[in-house]
N, C-alpha and C. Protein backbone atom coordinates (compact mmCIF):
# COMPACT_ATOMS: atom_id res chain seq x y z
N MET A 1 100.40 100.38 105.41
CA MET A 1 99.07 100.68 104.52
C MET A 1 98.76 102.00 104.81
N THR A 2 98.44 102.58 103.16
CA THR A 2 98.44 103.80 102.88
C THR A 2 97.11 104.06 103.04
N GLU A 3 96.79 105.30 103.39
CA GLU A 3 95.37 105.55 103.03
C GLU A 3 94.93 105.30 101.80
N GLN A 4 95.61 105.67 100.20
CA GLN A 4 95.03 105.16 99.40
C GLN A 4 94.95 104.02 99.23
N ASP A 5 96.11 102.79 99.77
CA ASP A 5 95.25 101.14 100.17
C ASP A 5 94.25 101.33 100.42
N GLN A 6 93.83 102.05 101.99
CA GLN A 6 92.29 101.67 102.35
C GLN A 6 91.37 102.12 101.57
N LYS A 7 91.47 103.16 101.17
CA LYS A 7 90.58 103.61 99.96
C LYS A 7 89.89 102.56 98.87
N PHE A 8 90.83 102.20 98.27
CA PHE A 8 90.71 101.11 97.02
C PHE A 8 90.49 99.58 97.46
N MET A 9 90.90 99.62 98.98
CA MET A 9 90.34 97.99 99.21
C MET A 9 89.09 98.10 99.60
N ARG A 10 88.31 99.48 100.04
CA ARG A 10 87.06 99.47 100.33
C ARG A 10 86.08 99.89 99.09
N HIS A 11 86.99 99.99 98.35
CA HIS A 11 86.15 100.18 96.98
C HIS A 11 86.35 98.87 96.53
N ALA A 12 87.39 97.97 96.59
CA ALA A 12 87.08 96.26 96.07
C ALA A 12 86.28 95.75 97.20
N LEU A 13 86.14 95.74 98.24
CA LEU A 13 85.02 95.59 99.05
C LEU A 13 83.46 95.66 98.49
N LEU A 14 83.55 97.01 98.17
CA LEU A 14 81.55 97.02 97.46
C LEU A 14 81.90 95.99 96.62
N LEU A 15 83.10 95.70 95.40
CA LEU A 15 82.93 94.83 94.48
C LEU A 15 82.58 93.67 95.23
N ALA A 16 82.98 93.30 95.69
CA ALA A 16 82.69 91.65 96.47
C ALA A 16 81.38 91.43 96.76
N ASP A 17 80.54 92.42 97.32
CA ASP A 17 78.86 92.46 97.85
C ASP A 17 78.10 92.41 96.06
N LYS A 18 79.17 92.85 95.15
CA LYS A 18 78.30 92.92 94.23
C LYS A 18 77.96 91.07 93.55
N ALA A 19 79.28 90.90 93.91
CA ALA A 19 79.76 89.17 93.86
C ALA A 19 78.71 88.33 94.78
N ALA A 20 78.36 88.83 95.75
CA ALA A 20 77.52 88.19 96.95
C ALA A 20 76.43 87.99 96.32
N GLU A 21 75.93 89.32 96.10
CA GLU A 21 74.46 89.38 95.32
C GLU A 21 74.18 88.96 94.55
N ILE A 22 74.99 88.27 93.48
CA ILE A 22 74.88 87.39 92.57
C ILE A 22 74.81 86.12 93.24
N GLY A 23 75.11 85.53 94.02
CA GLY A 23 75.56 83.95 94.60
C GLY A 23 77.10 83.96 94.16
N GLU A 24 78.06 84.37 94.25
CA GLU A 24 79.32 84.09 93.95
C GLU A 24 80.18 84.63 95.27
N ILE A 25 81.36 83.91 95.50
CA ILE A 25 81.99 83.99 96.58
C ILE A 25 82.82 85.62 96.54
N PRO A 26 82.42 85.97 97.55
CA PRO A 26 82.79 87.80 97.44
C PRO A 26 83.65 88.32 97.30
N VAL A 27 84.54 88.29 96.21
CA VAL A 27 85.70 88.69 95.94
C VAL A 27 85.89 89.99 95.04
N GLY A 28 86.14 91.15 95.46
CA GLY A 28 86.24 92.28 94.18
C GLY A 28 88.07 92.72 94.28
N ALA A 29 88.14 93.15 92.94
CA ALA A 29 89.47 93.72 92.88
C ALA A 29 89.13 94.91 92.19
N VAL A 30 90.24 96.11 91.93
CA VAL A 30 90.36 97.39 91.90
C VAL A 30 91.84 97.49 90.94
N LEU A 31 91.88 97.51 89.86
CA LEU A 31 92.93 98.38 89.50
C LEU A 31 93.30 99.59 88.83
N VAL A 32 94.30 100.43 89.43
CA VAL A 32 94.41 101.66 89.51
C VAL A 32 96.20 102.00 88.63
N ASN A 33 95.93 102.95 87.94
CA ASN A 33 97.24 103.65 87.36
C ASN A 33 98.01 104.89 88.59
N GLU A 34 99.05 104.78 88.22
CA GLU A 34 100.15 105.61 88.95
C GLU A 34 99.44 106.95 89.91
N GLN A 35 98.41 107.63 88.93
CA GLN A 35 97.41 108.81 88.60
C GLN A 35 96.58 108.48 90.16
N GLY A 36 96.26 107.15 90.85
CA GLY A 36 95.07 107.27 91.37
C GLY A 36 94.41 107.21 90.76
N GLU A 37 93.93 106.54 89.33
CA GLU A 37 92.74 106.60 88.81
C GLU A 37 92.32 105.35 88.44
N ILE A 38 90.90 104.78 88.44
CA ILE A 38 90.57 103.32 88.70
C ILE A 38 90.36 103.05 87.21
N LEU A 39 91.64 101.57 86.53
CA LEU A 39 91.49 101.80 85.07
C LEU A 39 90.55 100.63 84.70
N ALA A 40 89.86 99.60 86.28
CA ALA A 40 89.52 98.53 85.86
C ALA A 40 89.06 98.00 86.79
N GLU A 41 87.95 97.14 87.13
CA GLU A 41 87.56 96.52 88.36
C GLU A 41 86.67 95.61 88.12
N GLY A 42 86.33 94.47 89.11
CA GLY A 42 86.24 92.96 88.58
C GLY A 42 85.40 92.66 89.94
N TRP A 43 84.51 91.69 90.07
CA TRP A 43 84.56 90.82 91.13
C TRP A 43 84.10 89.35 90.39
N ASN A 44 84.27 88.25 91.50
CA ASN A 44 83.88 87.04 90.57
C ASN A 44 82.56 86.65 90.11
N GLN A 45 82.77 85.72 89.10
CA GLN A 45 81.26 85.78 88.37
C GLN A 45 81.79 84.51 87.29
N SER A 46 82.86 83.68 88.11
CA SER A 46 82.85 82.04 87.63
C SER A 46 81.26 81.27 87.78
N ILE A 47 80.21 81.75 88.18
CA ILE A 47 79.03 80.93 88.27
C ILE A 47 78.17 81.23 87.33
N THR A 48 77.67 82.74 87.57
CA THR A 48 77.12 83.42 86.47
C THR A 48 77.58 83.31 85.23
N LEU A 49 78.76 83.54 84.90
CA LEU A 49 79.12 83.58 83.66
C LEU A 49 79.44 81.71 82.71
N SER A 50 79.47 80.99 83.97
CA SER A 50 79.83 79.52 83.63
C SER A 50 81.00 80.03 82.98
N ASP A 51 82.36 80.28 83.69
CA ASP A 51 83.78 80.53 83.17
C ASP A 51 84.59 80.24 84.52
N PRO A 52 85.18 79.43 85.09
CA PRO A 52 86.24 78.82 85.37
C PRO A 52 87.01 80.20 85.74
N THR A 53 87.47 80.93 84.70
CA THR A 53 88.52 81.75 84.94
C THR A 53 88.28 83.16 85.01
N ALA A 54 86.52 83.43 85.40
CA ALA A 54 85.85 84.25 85.65
C ALA A 54 86.43 85.65 86.98
N HIS A 55 87.32 85.04 87.60
CA HIS A 55 87.47 85.36 89.20
C HIS A 55 87.42 87.35 88.81
N ALA A 56 87.52 87.75 90.23
CA ALA A 56 87.44 89.31 90.42
C ALA A 56 89.05 89.71 89.50
N GLU A 57 90.07 89.24 89.59
CA GLU A 57 91.03 89.84 89.72
C GLU A 57 91.34 89.74 87.42
N ILE A 58 91.00 88.35 87.31
CA ILE A 58 90.98 88.02 85.81
C ILE A 58 90.09 89.21 85.20
N ILE A 59 88.95 89.35 85.37
CA ILE A 59 88.25 90.38 84.99
C ILE A 59 88.34 91.82 84.79
N ALA A 60 89.40 92.08 85.62
CA ALA A 60 89.78 93.58 86.00
C ALA A 60 90.78 93.70 85.03
N LEU A 61 91.81 92.47 84.95
CA LEU A 61 93.11 92.46 84.02
C LEU A 61 92.51 92.46 82.50
N ARG A 62 91.79 91.82 82.29
CA ARG A 62 90.69 91.68 81.01
C ARG A 62 90.19 92.98 80.45
N GLN A 63 89.46 93.81 81.58
CA GLN A 63 89.08 95.04 81.28
C GLN A 63 89.69 96.15 81.29
N ALA A 64 91.13 96.28 82.30
CA ALA A 64 92.32 97.26 81.85
C ALA A 64 92.78 96.75 80.64
N GLY A 65 93.11 95.84 80.45
CA GLY A 65 94.14 95.54 78.83
C GLY A 65 93.20 95.64 77.99
N ALA A 66 92.00 95.87 77.55
CA ALA A 66 91.08 96.19 76.22
C ALA A 66 91.16 97.57 76.66
N LYS A 67 90.87 98.04 77.51
CA LYS A 67 91.08 99.69 78.09
C LYS A 67 92.27 100.59 77.31
N ILE A 68 93.50 99.93 77.66
CA ILE A 68 94.34 100.82 77.18
C ILE A 68 95.18 100.17 76.03
N GLN A 69 94.35 98.88 75.53
CA GLN A 69 94.96 97.95 74.48
C GLN A 69 96.48 97.30 74.49
N ASN A 70 96.50 96.97 75.40
CA ASN A 70 97.96 96.46 76.00
C ASN A 70 97.83 95.17 77.09
N TYR A 71 98.51 94.29 76.77
CA TYR A 71 98.70 93.11 77.72
C TYR A 71 99.46 93.71 79.09
N ARG A 72 100.21 94.68 78.80
CA ARG A 72 100.97 94.73 79.84
C ARG A 72 100.68 95.92 80.41
N LEU A 73 100.11 95.50 81.72
CA LEU A 73 99.54 96.74 82.81
C LEU A 73 100.58 97.52 83.63
N LEU A 74 101.40 97.89 83.14
CA LEU A 74 102.97 98.82 83.46
C LEU A 74 102.43 99.92 84.69
N ASN A 75 103.13 99.55 85.90
CA ASN A 75 102.73 100.97 86.83
C ASN A 75 101.03 100.63 87.32
N THR A 76 100.72 99.77 87.15
CA THR A 76 99.67 99.93 87.93
C THR A 76 99.78 98.94 89.76
N THR A 77 98.18 99.01 90.10
CA THR A 77 98.36 98.44 91.71
C THR A 77 97.06 97.92 91.32
N LEU A 78 97.16 96.56 91.86
CA LEU A 78 95.68 95.32 91.79
C LEU A 78 95.42 95.83 93.43
N TYR A 79 94.03 96.04 93.45
CA TYR A 79 93.96 95.65 94.90
C TYR A 79 92.75 94.46 95.05
N VAL A 80 92.51 93.53 95.84
CA VAL A 80 92.30 92.58 95.80
C VAL A 80 91.54 92.45 97.10
N THR A 81 90.04 91.64 97.71
CA THR A 81 90.03 91.61 98.57
C THR A 81 90.47 89.78 99.24
N LEU A 82 90.51 89.35 98.54
CA LEU A 82 91.28 88.01 98.99
C LEU A 82 92.39 87.59 98.38
N GLU A 83 93.61 86.84 98.69
CA GLU A 83 94.93 86.73 98.23
C GLU A 83 94.47 85.68 97.10
N PRO A 84 95.31 86.15 95.34
CA PRO A 84 94.85 85.42 94.55
C PRO A 84 95.50 84.12 94.79
N CYS A 85 94.44 83.61 94.01
CA CYS A 85 95.19 81.98 93.85
C CYS A 85 96.28 81.68 92.67
N PRO A 86 96.76 80.51 92.26
CA PRO A 86 97.85 80.44 91.16
C PRO A 86 96.99 81.35 90.00
N MET A 87 96.03 80.81 89.72
CA MET A 87 95.61 81.12 88.07
C MET A 87 95.99 82.58 87.90
N CYS A 88 95.60 83.13 89.22
CA CYS A 88 95.60 84.81 88.81
C CYS A 88 96.72 85.31 89.65
N ALA A 89 97.46 84.47 90.06
CA ALA A 89 99.13 84.84 90.39
C ALA A 89 99.97 85.03 89.09
N GLY A 90 99.81 83.79 88.37
CA GLY A 90 100.30 83.90 87.17
C GLY A 90 100.06 84.81 86.47
N ALA A 91 98.62 85.73 85.80
CA ALA A 91 98.44 86.73 85.13
C ALA A 91 98.93 87.87 85.72
N ILE A 92 98.82 88.16 86.63
CA ILE A 92 98.98 88.94 87.65
C ILE A 92 100.62 89.29 86.69
N LEU A 93 101.48 88.13 87.02
CA LEU A 93 102.96 88.25 86.41
C LEU A 93 103.30 88.13 85.44
N HIS A 94 102.13 87.80 84.23
CA HIS A 94 102.36 87.95 83.30
C HIS A 94 101.73 89.71 82.58
N SER A 95 100.90 90.04 83.20
CA SER A 95 100.48 91.55 82.98
C SER A 95 101.93 92.38 83.30
N ARG A 96 102.32 92.04 83.87
CA ARG A 96 103.60 93.03 85.03
C ARG A 96 103.08 94.38 85.46
N ILE A 97 102.00 94.05 86.56
CA ILE A 97 101.65 94.71 87.76
C ILE A 97 102.72 95.24 88.43
N LYS A 98 102.92 96.42 88.67
CA LYS A 98 103.91 96.51 89.30
C LYS A 98 103.82 96.39 91.18
N ARG A 99 102.25 96.15 91.42
CA ARG A 99 102.19 96.17 93.23
C ARG A 99 100.77 95.63 92.95
N LEU A 100 101.12 94.71 93.95
CA LEU A 100 99.55 93.64 94.30
C LEU A 100 99.18 94.43 95.83
N VAL A 101 98.00 94.58 96.39
CA VAL A 101 97.51 94.66 97.60
C VAL A 101 96.08 94.10 98.14
N PHE A 102 96.40 93.37 98.67
CA PHE A 102 95.37 92.59 99.10
C PHE A 102 94.97 92.05 100.35
N GLY A 103 93.60 91.80 100.83
CA GLY A 103 93.57 91.97 102.18
C GLY A 103 93.79 90.42 102.99
N ALA A 104 92.69 89.62 102.78
CA ALA A 104 92.38 88.68 103.55
C ALA A 104 93.51 87.02 102.66
N MET A 105 93.93 86.51 103.45
CA MET A 105 94.75 85.40 103.44
C MET A 105 93.74 84.39 102.63
N ASP A 106 93.96 83.28 101.85
CA ASP A 106 93.38 82.17 101.66
C ASP A 106 94.13 80.95 101.59
N TYR A 107 93.82 80.29 102.60
CA TYR A 107 95.31 79.36 103.51
C TYR A 107 94.58 78.39 102.57
N LYS A 108 93.66 78.07 102.12
CA LYS A 108 93.18 76.94 100.99
C LYS A 108 93.83 77.07 99.26
N THR A 109 93.23 78.00 98.72
CA THR A 109 94.26 78.21 97.41
C THR A 109 95.08 79.69 97.06
N GLY A 110 95.49 79.86 98.33
CA GLY A 110 96.29 81.58 98.13
C GLY A 110 97.98 81.16 97.39
N ALA A 111 97.88 81.99 96.46
CA ALA A 111 99.36 81.49 96.10
C ALA A 111 100.30 82.64 96.26
N ILE A 112 100.22 83.47 97.25
CA ILE A 112 101.05 84.75 97.62
C ILE A 112 101.30 84.74 98.95
N GLY A 113 102.08 83.20 99.38
CA GLY A 113 102.45 82.66 100.75
C GLY A 113 101.62 82.32 101.44
N SER A 114 100.25 82.41 101.74
CA SER A 114 99.79 81.01 102.37
C SER A 114 99.37 79.69 102.30
N ARG A 115 99.70 79.56 100.94
CA ARG A 115 99.39 78.19 100.83
C ARG A 115 100.75 77.97 99.83
N PHE A 116 100.34 78.57 98.66
CA PHE A 116 101.20 78.54 97.65
C PHE A 116 102.70 80.04 97.84
N HIS A 117 103.87 79.41 97.15
CA HIS A 117 104.90 81.02 97.30
C HIS A 117 105.18 80.97 96.03
N LEU A 118 104.25 81.65 94.93
CA LEU A 118 104.62 81.73 93.33
C LEU A 118 105.80 83.13 93.23
N PHE A 119 105.14 84.14 94.24
CA PHE A 119 105.75 85.24 93.73
C PHE A 119 107.49 85.13 94.52
N ASP A 120 107.72 84.13 95.05
CA ASP A 120 109.19 84.03 95.85
C ASP A 120 109.77 83.30 94.79
N ASP A 121 109.81 82.75 93.63
CA ASP A 121 111.03 81.85 92.71
C ASP A 121 111.83 83.31 92.48
N TYR A 122 112.90 83.37 92.21
CA TYR A 122 114.20 84.01 92.46
C TYR A 122 114.11 83.93 90.44
N ARG A 123 113.34 83.05 89.90
CA ARG A 123 113.87 82.63 88.55
C ARG A 123 112.82 83.34 87.61
N MET A 124 111.73 84.04 88.35
CA MET A 124 110.99 84.81 88.07
C MET A 124 111.29 85.85 86.49
N ASN A 125 110.77 86.33 85.90
CA ASN A 125 111.08 87.47 85.07
C ASN A 125 110.59 88.62 85.62
N HIS A 126 109.79 88.81 86.05
CA HIS A 126 108.82 90.33 87.09
C HIS A 126 108.90 90.08 88.60
N ILE A 127 108.96 91.48 89.51
CA ILE A 127 108.61 91.01 90.75
C ILE A 127 107.71 91.69 90.73
N VAL A 128 106.82 91.65 91.64
CA VAL A 128 105.40 92.30 91.97
C VAL A 128 106.17 92.51 93.66
N GLU A 129 105.44 93.88 93.42
CA GLU A 129 105.38 94.56 95.14
C GLU A 129 104.38 94.14 95.73
N ILE A 130 104.67 93.38 96.90
CA ILE A 130 103.28 92.97 97.72
C ILE A 130 102.90 93.53 98.96
N THR A 131 101.96 93.98 99.06
CA THR A 131 101.32 94.20 100.40
C THR A 131 100.39 93.81 100.66
N SER A 132 100.24 92.83 101.76
CA SER A 132 99.06 91.70 102.25
C SER A 132 98.78 92.70 103.52
N GLY A 133 97.22 92.44 103.75
CA GLY A 133 96.66 92.36 105.15
C GLY A 133 95.96 93.99 105.22
N VAL A 134 95.65 94.29 104.40
CA VAL A 134 94.94 95.72 104.05
C VAL A 134 93.37 95.39 104.09
N LEU A 135 93.22 96.00 105.54
CA LEU A 135 91.83 95.50 105.91
C LEU A 135 91.14 94.32 105.71
N ALA A 136 92.21 93.09 106.08
CA ALA A 136 92.08 91.86 106.26
C ALA A 136 90.98 91.50 107.11
N GLU A 137 90.69 92.05 107.82
CA GLU A 137 89.60 91.19 109.38
C GLU A 137 88.37 91.83 108.29
N GLU A 138 87.85 93.15 107.36
CA GLU A 138 86.74 92.89 106.76
C GLU A 138 86.88 92.14 105.72
N CYS A 139 87.41 91.98 105.08
CA CYS A 139 87.51 91.32 104.48
C CYS A 139 87.58 89.35 104.47
N SER A 140 88.10 89.35 105.25
CA SER A 140 87.95 87.87 106.17
C SER A 140 86.60 87.61 106.50
N THR A 141 86.07 88.66 107.09
CA THR A 141 84.85 88.36 107.73
C THR A 141 83.74 88.51 106.46
N LYS A 142 83.70 89.16 105.59
CA LYS A 142 82.78 89.28 104.22
C LYS A 142 82.37 87.62 103.92
N ILE A 143 83.94 87.15 103.88
CA ILE A 143 84.08 86.01 103.14
C ILE A 143 83.39 84.92 104.28
N SER A 144 83.88 84.84 105.00
CA SER A 144 83.27 84.21 106.12
C SER A 144 81.95 84.06 106.60
N GLN A 145 81.48 85.23 106.39
CA GLN A 145 79.80 85.30 106.81
C GLN A 145 79.07 84.68 105.42
N PHE A 146 79.63 85.14 104.12
CA PHE A 146 79.06 84.43 103.04
C PHE A 146 78.66 82.84 102.96
N PHE A 147 80.19 82.16 103.50
CA PHE A 147 80.00 80.53 103.36
C PHE A 147 79.36 80.45 104.50
N GLN A 148 79.22 81.48 105.60
CA GLN A 148 78.25 80.77 106.64
C GLN A 148 76.45 80.89 106.48
N GLN A 149 76.64 81.94 105.95
CA GLN A 149 75.06 81.98 105.51
C GLN A 149 74.64 80.72 103.74
N ARG A 150 75.63 80.62 103.06
CA ARG A 150 75.68 79.25 102.11
C ARG A 150 75.24 77.86 102.71
N ARG A 151 76.22 77.76 103.81
CA ARG A 151 76.11 76.31 104.56
C ARG A 151 74.57 76.85 105.35
N ALA A 152 73.96 77.40 105.95
CA ALA A 152 72.77 77.65 106.35
C ALA A 152 71.82 77.36 106.03
N GLN A 153 72.01 77.84 104.39
CA GLN A 153 70.84 77.92 103.30
C GLN A 153 70.72 76.21 103.06
N GLN A 154 71.63 75.63 102.84
CA GLN A 154 72.18 74.70 102.32
C GLN A 154 71.06 73.55 103.46
N LYS A 155 71.53 73.78 104.75
CA LYS A 155 71.22 72.74 105.46
C LYS A 155 69.44 73.17 105.66
N LEU A 156 69.27 74.25 105.86
CA LEU A 156 67.87 74.70 105.47
C LEU A 156 66.47 73.53 104.06
N ALA A 157 67.82 73.64 102.87
CA ALA A 157 67.23 73.10 101.84
C ALA A 157 67.14 71.65 102.31
N LYS A 158 68.11 70.89 102.60
CA LYS A 158 68.35 69.63 102.75
C LYS A 158 67.08 69.18 104.00
N GLN A 159 66.84 70.19 105.02
CA GLN A 159 65.16 69.72 105.71
C GLN A 159 64.53 69.90 105.04
N ALA A 160 64.49 71.01 104.46
CA ALA A 160 63.09 70.77 103.28
C ALA A 160 62.67 69.17 102.89
N ILE A 161 63.90 69.06 101.90
CA ILE A 161 63.55 68.10 101.31
C ILE A 161 63.25 66.91 102.27
N LEU A 162 63.92 66.34 103.49
CA LEU A 162 63.50 65.46 104.07
C LEU A 162 62.10 65.45 104.83
N LYS A 163 62.00 66.61 104.87
CA LYS A 163 60.47 67.09 105.47
C LYS A 163 59.71 66.32 104.29
N SER A 164 59.76 66.85 103.00
CA SER A 164 58.58 66.55 101.83
C SER A 164 58.66 65.02 101.79
N ASP A 165 60.20 64.31 102.00
CA ASP A 165 59.80 62.94 101.66
C ASP A 165 59.28 62.45 102.75
N ASN A 166 59.38 62.65 103.87
CA ASN A 166 58.92 61.76 105.15
C ASN A 166 57.35 62.45 105.06
N HIS A 167 56.72 63.12 104.05
CA HIS A 167 55.63 63.56 104.32
C HIS A 167 54.47 62.69 102.96
N SER A 168 55.61 62.44 101.73
CA SER A 168 55.32 61.60 101.05
C SER A 168 54.96 59.94 101.23
N GLU A 169 55.54 59.88 102.37
CA GLU A 169 55.35 57.92 102.81
C GLU A 169 53.86 57.96 102.54
């Protein structure tokens, strides 16, 4: 894990905060070129945009493609706070990103080793360099806290409904 990896993962964590602020699962992504310049960034917006594909990674890839006018994002590094899902892993392969750096493992839908192993198939026509576990604890804590807070809010809402039902009788 390099200093640059930590720097850009911290930036991705700030983007994850933007997702959390709008009620989305806090995942952030940053795409960087060989010179260490940010080409694009994204955060989860599936709920906000009513778009199941609006994951942080996809938003960053779309933004970068539009910026450089090419769907091939050669010699770039994608930093993302959570292990990509199968959809995002497929997009990463198709975009020909050179390197993927992610923080927390996703044991439910992760496609880079924790649940699925999409990049391990020798028949793939592109090999992505992978660095996992960068600021993993911070990335994992952010997501865990989000879901703890969401469960607490749902519990309070349920209690309020029960209370109002009891008073209306």
